[in-house]
Amino acid sequence: MTAEAMEADPARQEPAPEPASGDRSADEGRPLRIALLTYKGDPFCGGQGVYVRHLSRELARLGHHVEVIGAQPYPVLDEGVELTELASLDLYRQPDPFRTPGRGEYRDWVDALEVATMWTGGFPEPLTFSLRARRHLAALAGRFDVIHDNQTLGYGLLGGARALGAPLVTTVHHPITVDRQLELAAAGSFTRRLSVRRWYGFTRMQKRVARKLPSVLTVSGTSRQEIVGHFGVRPERVHVVHIGADTDLFSPDPSVAEVPGRIVTTSSADVPLKGLVHLVEALAKLRTENPDAHLVVVGRPAEDGPVAQAIERFGLTGAIEFVKGISDTELVDLIRSAEIACVPSLYEGFSLPAAEAMATGTPLVATTGGAIPEVAGADGDTCLAVPPGDAGALATALGRLLADPGLRRRLGTAGRARVLAKFTWRQAALGTVAHYRQAIAGSPGRPAAPATTARPDRESRSTC
């Protein structure tokens, strides 16, 4: 949405920064018992797992008791955070996605619903996880002060504190209806459009649920506008709490040598939203004048998808490398080794890859899709910004940076300073806790919880 349009529609204007978003030096008040729900927790296949891991760690460091309740792929958590595994049928696991479970795997009607939805082309996990979570939380009524849902938005989470045992706060990173629109626009046939519509059928549920929620957190002003516009949530119920980078881990290290011509990008899914096909085309244009230019992608494309087809069409097989499942340390060193980090997305609700790259001091080329400018800053100050979907503009910006070491140093230094000032996980945790306390205060009849609580009877920690 343009600035002019926002001015014309006061309901969709970005609110003034909230005092809860990390302005205080420390959290105030008694420790809280927090249940953090995540139906998708793998930190290697999207931002939700990263969010859960880092937010839970910082909440624990503030002195709160955090129990993550998650389904497969289970999240990787840091010391001090408990994990309760709320198992699904794991229908999309590798190496056998869309598998049919054996007869002995079915436990109840929710399992049957999960399989039936998959068999008919839908995506069941938000609904079925919410139903399992509701049942689990009802059995633990009184254990938690607040329940924090990470973008499940399933029917099972309706009913308020009376049904769930504690008041609910929900994070929506961005409405998945945005992904749906972009995939429909890219669908090449009637059959493909039908398939996309069926897969994204769960977004109708998410829209209905979001409208009934008392408190929605989101990660950027752009996402706030989209939640109000796409989901129809009342503006006063949507609050921005920026997330950030682990600035201790993602930091400059002069001992890591830069590889001439190396460009790094993160593409957690081979979907039009990520804009990787445009970066592939830009690389082909760039290499006509800079043959050393090459791309390392953190992620993996579909074997016969549009990215793989573009690589073959432009003859770039030897110029693009894909890596997946690397450790945090390996990821940081990979970004440090690049002369440029690139975010080519058509839309992002926040863009953790941009914040993490900037935190390492690696200069950034990024599109202006969605909330990316909120993170990356102004063109020429902390990054080079280009329009989304414009391969020519991407090639020009990449070539300009590769040819100018001084500009790379200046943008890298300014980018890290921006992240340190605005986007850290400690700031995110402080802002989130402030909204927890508001939710608790607004929930009638909630008893005061003790400062410390017994640990759950069973604790488990996943490994990836």
Protein backbone atom coordinates (compact mmCIF):
# COMPACT_ATOMS: atom_id res chain seq x y z
CA MET A 1 0.00 0.00 0.00
CA THR A 2 1.32 3.47 -0.86
CA ALA A 3 1.82 6.23 1.70
CA GLU A 4 -0.94 8.23 -0.02
CA ALA A 5 -3.37 5.35 0.35
CA MET A 6 -2.51 4.96 4.02
CA GLU A 7 -3.19 8.64 4.63
CA ALA A 8 -6.56 8.27 2.94
CA ASP A 9 -7.50 5.35 5.18
CA PRO A 10 -6.83 6.18 8.84
CA ALA A 11 -7.80 2.67 9.95
CA ARG A 12 -4.80 1.28 8.09
CA GLN A 13 -2.22 3.86 9.15
CA GLU A 14 0.75 2.54 11.08
CA PRO A 15 0.29 3.40 14.77
CA ALA A 16 2.90 5.29 16.74
CA PRO A 17 5.60 3.00 18.15
CA GLU A 18 4.29 1.21 21.20
CA PRO A 19 6.16 1.79 24.48
CA ALA A 20 6.10 -1.98 25.00
CA SER A 21 8.43 -2.72 22.08
CA GLY A 22 11.67 -2.79 24.02
CA ASP A 23 12.12 0.75 25.34
CA ARG A 24 12.59 -0.45 28.92
CA SER A 25 15.94 -1.69 30.18
CA ALA A 26 14.34 -4.79 31.74
CA ASP A 27 10.99 -6.50 32.15
CA GLU A 28 8.94 -5.50 35.17
CA GLY A 29 6.67 -7.68 37.25
CA ARG A 30 6.52 -11.28 38.42
CA PRO A 31 7.77 -14.16 36.27
CA LEU A 32 5.12 -15.64 33.99
CA ARG A 33 4.32 -19.21 33.03
CA ILE A 34 4.08 -19.16 29.23
CA ALA A 35 2.83 -21.84 26.83
CA LEU A 36 4.19 -21.12 23.34
CA LEU A 37 2.38 -23.07 20.61
CA THR A 38 3.91 -23.87 17.23
CA TYR A 39 2.47 -26.27 14.65
CA LYS A 40 5.64 -25.94 12.53
CA GLY A 41 8.92 -25.57 14.37
CA ASP A 42 11.77 -26.62 12.08
CA PRO A 43 14.32 -23.75 12.09
CA PHE A 44 15.70 -24.89 8.72
CA CYS A 45 12.50 -24.52 6.68
CA GLY A 46 11.05 -21.12 7.50
CA GLY A 47 10.85 -18.21 9.90
CA GLN A 48 8.38 -19.73 12.36
CA GLY A 49 10.96 -22.09 13.84
CA VAL A 50 13.50 -19.28 14.12
CA TYR A 51 10.92 -17.11 15.87
CA VAL A 52 10.03 -19.78 18.42
CA ARG A 53 13.63 -20.64 19.21
CA HIS A 54 14.94 -17.14 19.75
CA LEU A 55 11.87 -15.61 21.39
CA SER A 56 11.59 -18.51 23.87
CA ARG A 57 15.27 -18.21 24.76
CA GLU A 58 15.02 -14.48 25.45
CA LEU A 59 11.80 -14.91 27.45
CA ALA A 60 13.61 -17.47 29.62
CA ARG A 61 16.56 -15.10 30.05
CA LEU A 62 14.12 -12.49 31.36
CA GLY A 63 13.19 -14.97 34.09
CA HIS A 64 9.96 -16.42 32.70
CA HIS A 65 9.08 -20.12 32.56
CA VAL A 66 8.54 -21.08 28.89
CA GLU A 67 7.11 -24.37 27.69
CA VAL A 68 7.00 -24.78 23.92
CA ILE A 69 4.22 -27.09 22.75
CA GLY A 70 4.92 -28.15 19.19
CA ALA A 71 4.27 -30.68 16.46
CA GLN A 72 6.57 -32.17 13.84
CA PRO A 73 8.96 -30.93 12.65
CA TYR A 74 9.78 -30.24 16.29
CA PRO A 75 11.59 -27.01 17.12
CA VAL A 76 15.22 -26.79 18.18
CA LEU A 77 15.32 -24.96 21.52
CA ASP A 78 18.02 -23.50 23.70
CA GLU A 79 18.86 -24.37 27.28
CA GLY A 80 16.26 -23.24 29.78
CA VAL A 81 13.26 -23.82 27.50
CA GLU A 82 11.12 -26.96 27.74
CA LEU A 83 9.57 -28.77 24.80
CA THR A 84 6.36 -30.79 24.94
CA GLU A 85 5.88 -32.85 21.80
CA LEU A 86 2.28 -32.80 20.62
CA ALA A 87 2.62 -35.35 17.85
CA SER A 88 0.75 -35.23 14.57
CA LEU A 89 0.88 -37.99 11.96
CA ASP A 90 3.81 -36.13 10.35
CA LEU A 91 2.36 -36.54 6.87
CA TYR A 92 4.90 -34.27 5.14
CA ARG A 93 8.10 -35.67 6.57
CA GLN A 94 11.10 -36.43 4.40
CA PRO A 95 11.83 -38.62 2.53
CA ASP A 96 8.17 -39.70 2.19
CA PRO A 97 5.96 -36.58 2.06
CA PHE A 98 2.21 -37.08 1.55
CA ARG A 99 2.54 -40.54 3.02
CA THR A 100 -0.40 -42.76 3.99
CA PRO A 101 -0.12 -43.83 7.65
CA GLY A 102 -0.40 -47.45 8.68
CA ARG A 103 -3.57 -48.64 10.38
CA GLY A 104 -1.85 -48.80 13.77
CA GLU A 105 -0.85 -45.10 13.65
CA TYR A 106 -4.40 -43.76 13.98
CA ARG A 107 -5.26 -42.69 17.51
CA ASP A 108 -8.50 -40.72 17.22
CA TRP A 109 -10.82 -38.79 14.92
CA VAL A 110 -8.37 -35.87 14.64
CA ASP A 111 -5.86 -38.20 12.98
CA ALA A 112 -8.53 -39.36 10.56
CA LEU A 113 -9.41 -35.74 9.75
CA GLU A 114 -5.75 -34.96 9.12
CA VAL A 115 -5.36 -37.78 6.60
CA ALA A 116 -8.69 -37.10 4.89
CA THR A 117 -7.77 -33.44 4.37
CA MET A 118 -4.40 -34.38 2.89
CA TRP A 119 -5.99 -37.00 0.59
CA THR A 120 -8.33 -34.33 -0.80
CA GLY A 121 -5.52 -31.86 -1.51
CA GLY A 122 -5.84 -29.63 1.54
CA PHE A 123 -3.32 -28.64 4.23
CA PRO A 124 -4.63 -29.94 7.59
CA GLU A 125 -1.95 -29.00 10.12
CA PRO A 126 -3.22 -25.63 11.44
CA LEU A 127 -6.66 -27.09 12.18
CA THR A 128 -5.58 -30.45 13.56
CA PHE A 129 -2.80 -28.97 15.70
CA SER A 130 -5.26 -26.48 17.19
CA LEU A 131 -7.65 -29.30 18.10
CA ARG A 132 -4.89 -31.32 19.77
CA ALA A 133 -3.58 -28.20 21.54
CA ARG A 134 -7.04 -27.36 22.89
CA ARG A 135 -7.41 -30.84 24.35
CA HIS A 136 -3.90 -30.72 25.83
CA LEU A 137 -4.31 -27.26 27.36
CA ALA A 138 -7.73 -28.04 28.83
CA ALA A 139 -6.15 -30.93 30.74
CA LEU A 140 -3.54 -28.52 32.16
CA ALA A 141 -5.89 -25.69 33.13
CA GLY A 142 -4.18 -23.44 35.64
CA ARG A 143 -0.60 -24.35 34.72
CA PHE A 144 -0.02 -21.31 32.49
CA ASP A 145 -0.58 -17.59 32.90
CA VAL A 146 -0.75 -16.96 29.17
CA ILE A 147 -0.90 -18.99 25.94
CA HIS A 148 0.98 -17.65 22.94
CA ASP A 149 -0.03 -19.11 19.56
CA ASN A 150 2.48 -18.82 16.73
CA GLN A 151 0.22 -18.37 13.67
CA THR A 152 -1.84 -21.55 13.99
CA LEU A 153 -5.14 -19.64 13.90
CA GLY A 154 -7.15 -22.85 14.17
CA TYR A 155 -10.72 -23.31 15.38
CA GLY A 156 -9.48 -25.23 18.40
CA LEU A 157 -8.00 -22.06 19.88
CA LEU A 158 -11.31 -20.21 20.11
CA GLY A 159 -13.24 -19.90 23.33
CA GLY A 160 -10.98 -17.65 25.36
CA ALA A 161 -9.41 -18.31 28.74
CA ARG A 162 -12.41 -20.33 29.94
CA ALA A 163 -11.87 -22.95 27.20
CA LEU A 164 -8.06 -22.91 27.08
CA GLY A 165 -7.21 -22.36 30.73
CA ALA A 166 -5.42 -19.03 30.18
CA PRO A 167 -5.74 -15.89 28.03
CA LEU A 168 -4.52 -16.18 24.43
CA VAL A 169 -2.09 -13.96 22.53
CA THR A 170 -1.47 -14.79 18.86
CA THR A 171 1.39 -13.87 16.54
CA VAL A 172 0.62 -13.54 12.82
CA HIS A 173 3.84 -13.04 10.86
CA HIS A 174 1.81 -12.19 7.77
CA PRO A 175 -1.51 -13.40 6.38
CA ILE A 176 -0.98 -16.57 4.33
CA THR A 177 -3.59 -15.17 1.96
CA VAL A 178 -0.70 -13.13 0.51
CA ASP A 179 1.11 -16.37 -0.41
CA ARG A 180 -2.13 -17.69 -1.88
CA GLN A 181 -2.55 -14.64 -4.12
CA LEU A 182 1.00 -14.87 -5.45
CA GLU A 183 0.78 -18.60 -6.13
CA LEU A 184 -2.54 -18.19 -7.93
CA ALA A 185 -1.03 -15.43 -10.07
CA ALA A 186 1.87 -17.74 -10.97
CA ALA A 187 -0.34 -20.80 -11.67
CA GLY A 188 -0.08 -21.72 -15.32
CA SER A 189 -3.22 -23.80 -15.77
CA PHE A 190 -6.78 -24.19 -14.56
CA THR A 191 -5.88 -27.46 -12.85
CA ARG A 192 -2.98 -25.82 -11.04
CA ARG A 193 -5.21 -22.97 -9.85
CA LEU A 194 -7.71 -25.47 -8.48
CA SER A 195 -4.90 -27.24 -6.63
CA VAL A 196 -3.63 -23.98 -5.14
CA ARG A 197 -7.10 -22.97 -4.00
CA ARG A 198 -7.65 -26.32 -2.31
CA TRP A 199 -4.24 -26.32 -0.59
CA TYR A 200 -4.84 -22.86 0.82
CA GLY A 201 -8.37 -23.68 1.95
CA PHE A 202 -7.22 -23.36 5.58
CA THR A 203 -6.85 -19.59 5.12
CA ARG A 204 -10.65 -19.24 5.32
CA MET A 205 -10.46 -20.71 8.81
CA GLN A 206 -7.55 -18.46 9.74
CA LYS A 207 -9.46 -15.39 8.61
CA ARG A 208 -12.51 -16.33 10.73
CA VAL A 209 -10.40 -17.12 13.77
CA ALA A 210 -8.28 -13.97 13.51
CA ARG A 211 -11.37 -11.77 13.59
CA LYS A 212 -12.39 -13.25 16.95
CA LEU A 213 -9.02 -12.89 18.69
CA PRO A 214 -8.65 -10.20 21.36
CA SER A 215 -4.92 -9.61 20.83
CA VAL A 216 -2.84 -10.14 17.69
CA LEU A 217 0.89 -9.44 17.56
CA THR A 218 2.70 -8.98 14.29
CA VAL A 219 6.24 -8.25 13.26
CA SER A 220 5.97 -5.13 11.08
CA GLY A 221 3.75 -2.25 10.10
CA THR A 222 3.29 -3.77 6.66
CA SER A 223 2.05 -7.03 8.16
CA ARG A 224 -0.32 -5.05 10.36
CA GLN A 225 -1.84 -3.43 7.28
CA GLU A 226 -2.20 -6.82 5.58
CA ILE A 227 -3.83 -8.41 8.66
CA VAL A 228 -6.36 -5.59 8.83
CA GLY A 229 -6.98 -5.69 5.07
CA HIS A 230 -6.87 -9.43 4.32
CA PHE A 231 -8.25 -10.85 7.57
CA GLY A 232 -10.57 -8.00 8.55
CA VAL A 233 -9.16 -7.74 12.09
CA ARG A 234 -9.99 -4.48 13.82
CA PRO A 235 -6.88 -2.22 13.77
CA GLU A 236 -6.87 -1.60 17.51
CA ARG A 237 -6.45 -5.33 18.14
CA VAL A 238 -3.24 -5.63 16.07
CA HIS A 239 0.06 -4.62 17.71
CA VAL A 240 3.53 -4.41 16.15
CA VAL A 241 6.44 -5.96 18.02
CA HIS A 242 9.48 -6.12 15.78
CA ILE A 243 11.59 -9.26 15.84
CA GLY A 244 15.29 -9.37 15.11
CA ALA A 245 18.60 -11.10 14.73
CA ASP A 246 20.81 -12.89 17.21
CA THR A 247 23.43 -10.15 17.09
CA ASP A 248 25.94 -12.10 19.17
CA LEU A 249 25.91 -14.97 16.67
CA PHE A 250 25.32 -12.93 13.53
CA SER A 251 28.27 -10.57 13.83
CA PRO A 252 31.25 -9.48 11.72
CA ASP A 253 34.40 -11.59 11.76
CA PRO A 254 37.32 -10.23 9.72
CA SER A 255 39.07 -13.60 9.94
CA VAL A 256 36.52 -15.10 7.53
CA ALA A 257 37.80 -14.42 4.04
CA GLU A 258 35.41 -13.03 1.45
CA VAL A 259 35.00 -15.11 -1.68
CA PRO A 260 35.20 -12.87 -4.78
CA GLY A 261 31.88 -12.65 -6.59
CA ARG A 262 29.92 -14.61 -3.97
CA ILE A 263 26.28 -13.69 -3.46
CA VAL A 264 24.26 -15.43 -0.72
CA THR A 265 20.50 -15.68 -0.39
CA THR A 266 18.06 -17.65 1.76
CA SER A 267 15.05 -19.28 0.15
CA SER A 268 13.17 -21.39 2.69
CA ALA A 269 10.61 -22.56 0.11
CA ASP A 270 10.55 -22.85 -3.68
CA VAL A 271 7.51 -20.62 -4.12
CA PRO A 272 6.91 -17.44 -6.17
CA LEU A 273 6.79 -15.36 -2.96
CA LYS A 274 10.56 -15.75 -2.46
CA GLY A 275 11.47 -14.31 -5.86
CA LEU A 276 14.40 -16.68 -6.36
CA VAL A 277 13.62 -17.17 -10.04
CA HIS A 278 14.18 -13.43 -10.57
CA LEU A 279 17.54 -13.60 -8.81
CA VAL A 280 18.55 -16.49 -11.08
CA GLU A 281 17.74 -14.37 -14.11
CA ALA A 282 19.62 -11.42 -12.59
CA LEU A 283 22.68 -13.63 -12.09
CA ALA A 284 22.59 -14.62 -15.75
CA LYS A 285 22.59 -10.95 -16.75
CA LEU A 286 25.32 -10.12 -14.21
CA ARG A 287 27.68 -12.85 -15.39
CA THR A 288 27.85 -11.40 -18.89
CA GLU A 289 30.02 -8.64 -17.40
CA ASN A 290 31.23 -10.30 -14.20
CA PRO A 291 31.95 -14.01 -14.86
CA ASP A 292 33.16 -14.52 -11.25
CA ALA A 293 29.69 -13.78 -9.89
CA HIS A 294 28.04 -16.85 -8.37
CA LEU A 295 25.19 -17.61 -6.02
CA VAL A 296 24.90 -19.75 -2.89
CA VAL A 297 21.29 -20.47 -1.89
CA VAL A 298 20.42 -21.61 1.63
CA GLY A 299 17.54 -23.89 0.71
CA ARG A 300 16.70 -26.41 -1.97
CA PRO A 301 14.54 -26.03 -5.10
CA ALA A 302 11.88 -28.43 -6.29
CA GLU A 303 13.46 -30.87 -8.74
CA ASP A 304 11.30 -29.76 -11.67
CA GLY A 305 10.13 -26.39 -10.32
CA PRO A 306 10.47 -22.93 -11.87
CA VAL A 307 13.85 -22.24 -10.22
CA ALA A 308 15.39 -25.48 -11.51
CA GLN A 309 13.98 -24.74 -14.96
CA ALA A 310 15.41 -21.20 -14.92
CA ILE A 311 18.86 -22.48 -13.91
CA GLU A 312 18.83 -24.89 -16.84
CA ARG A 313 17.44 -22.28 -19.25
CA PHE A 314 20.17 -19.77 -18.42
CA GLY A 315 22.96 -22.36 -18.25
CA LEU A 316 23.83 -21.58 -14.62
CA THR A 317 24.26 -25.08 -13.21
CA GLY A 318 27.90 -24.45 -12.30
CA ALA A 319 27.25 -20.94 -10.96
CA ILE A 320 24.62 -21.74 -8.33
CA GLU A 321 25.07 -23.93 -5.25
CA PHE A 322 22.29 -25.03 -2.89
CA VAL A 323 22.95 -25.88 0.75
CA LYS A 324 20.44 -27.09 3.34
CA GLY A 325 20.44 -28.23 6.94
CA ILE A 326 23.61 -26.36 7.89
CA SER A 327 24.29 -25.33 11.48
CA ASP A 328 23.89 -21.76 12.70
CA THR A 329 27.67 -21.36 12.82
CA GLU A 330 28.02 -22.59 9.25
CA LEU A 331 25.27 -20.24 8.12
CA VAL A 332 26.94 -17.24 9.75
CA ASP A 333 30.30 -18.04 8.20
CA LEU A 334 28.65 -18.51 4.80
CA ILE A 335 27.09 -15.05 5.01
CA ARG A 336 30.38 -13.55 6.20
CA SER A 337 32.17 -15.10 3.22
CA ALA A 338 29.86 -13.38 0.72
CA GLU A 339 30.54 -10.04 -0.86
CA ILE A 340 26.77 -9.46 -1.03
CA ALA A 341 23.66 -10.82 0.67
CA CYS A 342 20.47 -10.64 -1.35
CA VAL A 343 16.76 -10.77 -0.47
CA PRO A 344 14.84 -11.02 -3.78
CA SER A 345 11.40 -11.71 -2.28
CA LEU A 346 8.22 -10.38 -3.81
CA TYR A 347 6.82 -10.02 -0.29
CA GLU A 348 8.03 -10.51 3.28
CA GLY A 349 6.17 -9.95 6.52
CA PHE A 350 9.49 -9.02 8.16
CA SER A 351 12.58 -10.70 6.57
CA LEU A 352 14.83 -12.35 9.11
CA PRO A 353 17.40 -13.11 6.38
CA ALA A 354 17.80 -9.38 5.80
CA ALA A 355 18.29 -8.62 9.50
CA GLU A 356 20.73 -11.51 9.97
CA ALA A 357 22.81 -10.59 6.94
CA MET A 358 22.97 -6.95 8.03
CA ALA A 359 23.99 -8.03 11.54
CA THR A 360 27.09 -9.75 10.10
CA GLY A 361 28.12 -6.55 8.34
CA THR A 362 27.51 -8.08 4.91
CA PRO A 363 26.14 -5.47 2.48
CA LEU A 364 22.58 -6.10 1.35
CA VAL A 365 20.69 -5.87 -1.91
CA ALA A 366 16.95 -6.25 -1.24
CA THR A 367 13.64 -5.64 -2.90
CA THR A 368 11.00 -3.30 -1.56
CA GLY A 369 8.47 -6.15 -1.24
CA GLY A 370 6.25 -6.02 1.82
CA ALA A 371 8.04 -5.13 5.05
CA ILE A 372 11.59 -5.49 3.72
CA PRO A 373 12.18 -1.69 3.67
CA GLU A 374 11.18 -1.51 7.36
CA VAL A 375 14.06 -3.87 8.11
CA ALA A 376 16.64 -2.98 5.48
CA GLY A 377 16.25 0.79 5.62
CA ALA A 378 16.66 3.40 2.92
CA ASP A 379 18.23 2.79 -0.46
CA GLY A 380 21.85 3.93 -0.43
CA ASP A 381 21.97 4.32 3.36
CA THR A 382 21.88 0.78 4.74
CA CYS A 383 21.21 -1.27 1.59
CA LEU A 384 20.58 -1.07 -2.12
CA ALA A 385 16.85 -1.37 -2.77
CA VAL A 386 15.17 -2.52 -5.99
CA PRO A 387 11.56 -3.14 -7.07
CA PRO A 388 10.30 -6.70 -6.49
CA GLY A 389 10.26 -8.95 -9.54
CA ASP A 390 12.68 -6.77 -11.55
CA ALA A 391 15.62 -8.97 -12.61
CA GLY A 392 17.30 -6.12 -14.47
CA ALA A 393 17.29 -3.84 -11.43
CA LEU A 394 18.63 -6.69 -9.30
CA ALA A 395 21.48 -7.31 -11.75
CA THR A 396 22.36 -3.60 -11.82
CA ALA A 397 22.44 -3.29 -8.02
CA LEU A 398 24.49 -6.47 -7.60
CA GLY A 399 26.97 -5.34 -10.24
CA ARG A 400 27.30 -1.91 -8.63
CA LEU A 401 28.15 -3.42 -5.25
CA LEU A 402 30.58 -6.00 -6.62
CA ALA A 403 32.49 -3.20 -8.34
CA ASP A 404 32.70 -0.87 -5.32
CA PRO A 405 34.46 -2.20 -2.17
CA GLY A 406 34.05 1.17 -0.43
CA LEU A 407 30.29 1.10 -0.88
CA ARG A 408 30.18 -2.47 0.40
CA ARG A 409 32.05 -1.47 3.58
CA ARG A 410 29.85 1.56 4.18
CA LEU A 411 26.56 -0.29 3.71
CA GLY A 412 27.77 -3.24 5.81
CA THR A 413 28.72 -1.00 8.74
CA ALA A 414 25.50 1.01 8.55
CA GLY A 415 23.40 -2.14 8.24
CA ARG A 416 24.75 -3.68 11.43
CA ALA A 417 24.26 -0.44 13.32
CA ARG A 418 20.61 -0.38 12.21
CA VAL A 419 19.98 -3.92 13.44
CA LEU A 420 21.64 -3.26 16.82
CA ALA A 421 19.48 -0.19 17.30
CA LYS A 422 16.13 -1.64 16.20
CA PHE A 423 15.99 -5.40 15.75
CA THR A 424 17.21 -7.65 18.56
CA TRP A 425 15.50 -10.62 20.20
CA ARG A 426 15.78 -9.05 23.66
CA GLN A 427 13.75 -6.07 22.46
CA ALA A 428 11.24 -8.48 20.92
CA ALA A 429 10.89 -10.41 24.18
CA LEU A 430 10.35 -7.26 26.24
CA GLY A 431 7.65 -6.04 23.89
CA THR A 432 5.95 -9.43 23.81
CA VAL A 433 5.85 -9.74 27.61
CA ALA A 434 4.20 -6.33 27.87
CA HIS A 435 1.34 -7.66 25.73
CA TYR A 436 1.17 -10.85 27.80
CA ARG A 437 0.61 -8.72 30.88
CA GLN A 438 -2.10 -6.70 29.13
CA ALA A 439 -3.87 -9.92 28.10
CA ILE A 440 -3.69 -11.29 31.66
CA ALA A 441 -4.96 -8.02 33.14
CA GLY A 442 -7.88 -8.05 30.70
CA SER A 443 -8.90 -11.63 31.51
CA PRO A 444 -11.47 -11.56 34.37
CA GLY A 445 -11.05 -13.90 37.27
CA ARG A 446 -7.47 -14.95 36.56
CA PRO A 447 -5.73 -15.95 39.80
CA ALA A 448 -2.25 -14.67 40.55
CA ALA A 449 0.35 -17.29 39.70
CA PRO A 450 3.27 -18.14 41.95
CA ALA A 451 6.67 -16.78 40.96
CA THR A 452 8.03 -20.27 40.43
CA THR A 453 6.28 -23.44 39.39
CA ALA A 454 6.99 -27.12 39.33
CA ARG A 455 8.43 -28.44 36.12
CA PRO A 456 6.15 -30.60 33.96
CA ASP A 457 6.12 -34.31 34.64
CA ARG A 458 7.60 -35.11 31.24
CA GLU A 459 10.04 -33.03 29.29
CA SER A 460 11.57 -33.81 25.93
CA ARG A 461 13.86 -32.08 23.53
CA SER A 462 13.92 -32.70 19.84
CA THR A 463 16.95 -33.19 17.68
CA CYS A 464 17.10 -32.48 13.96
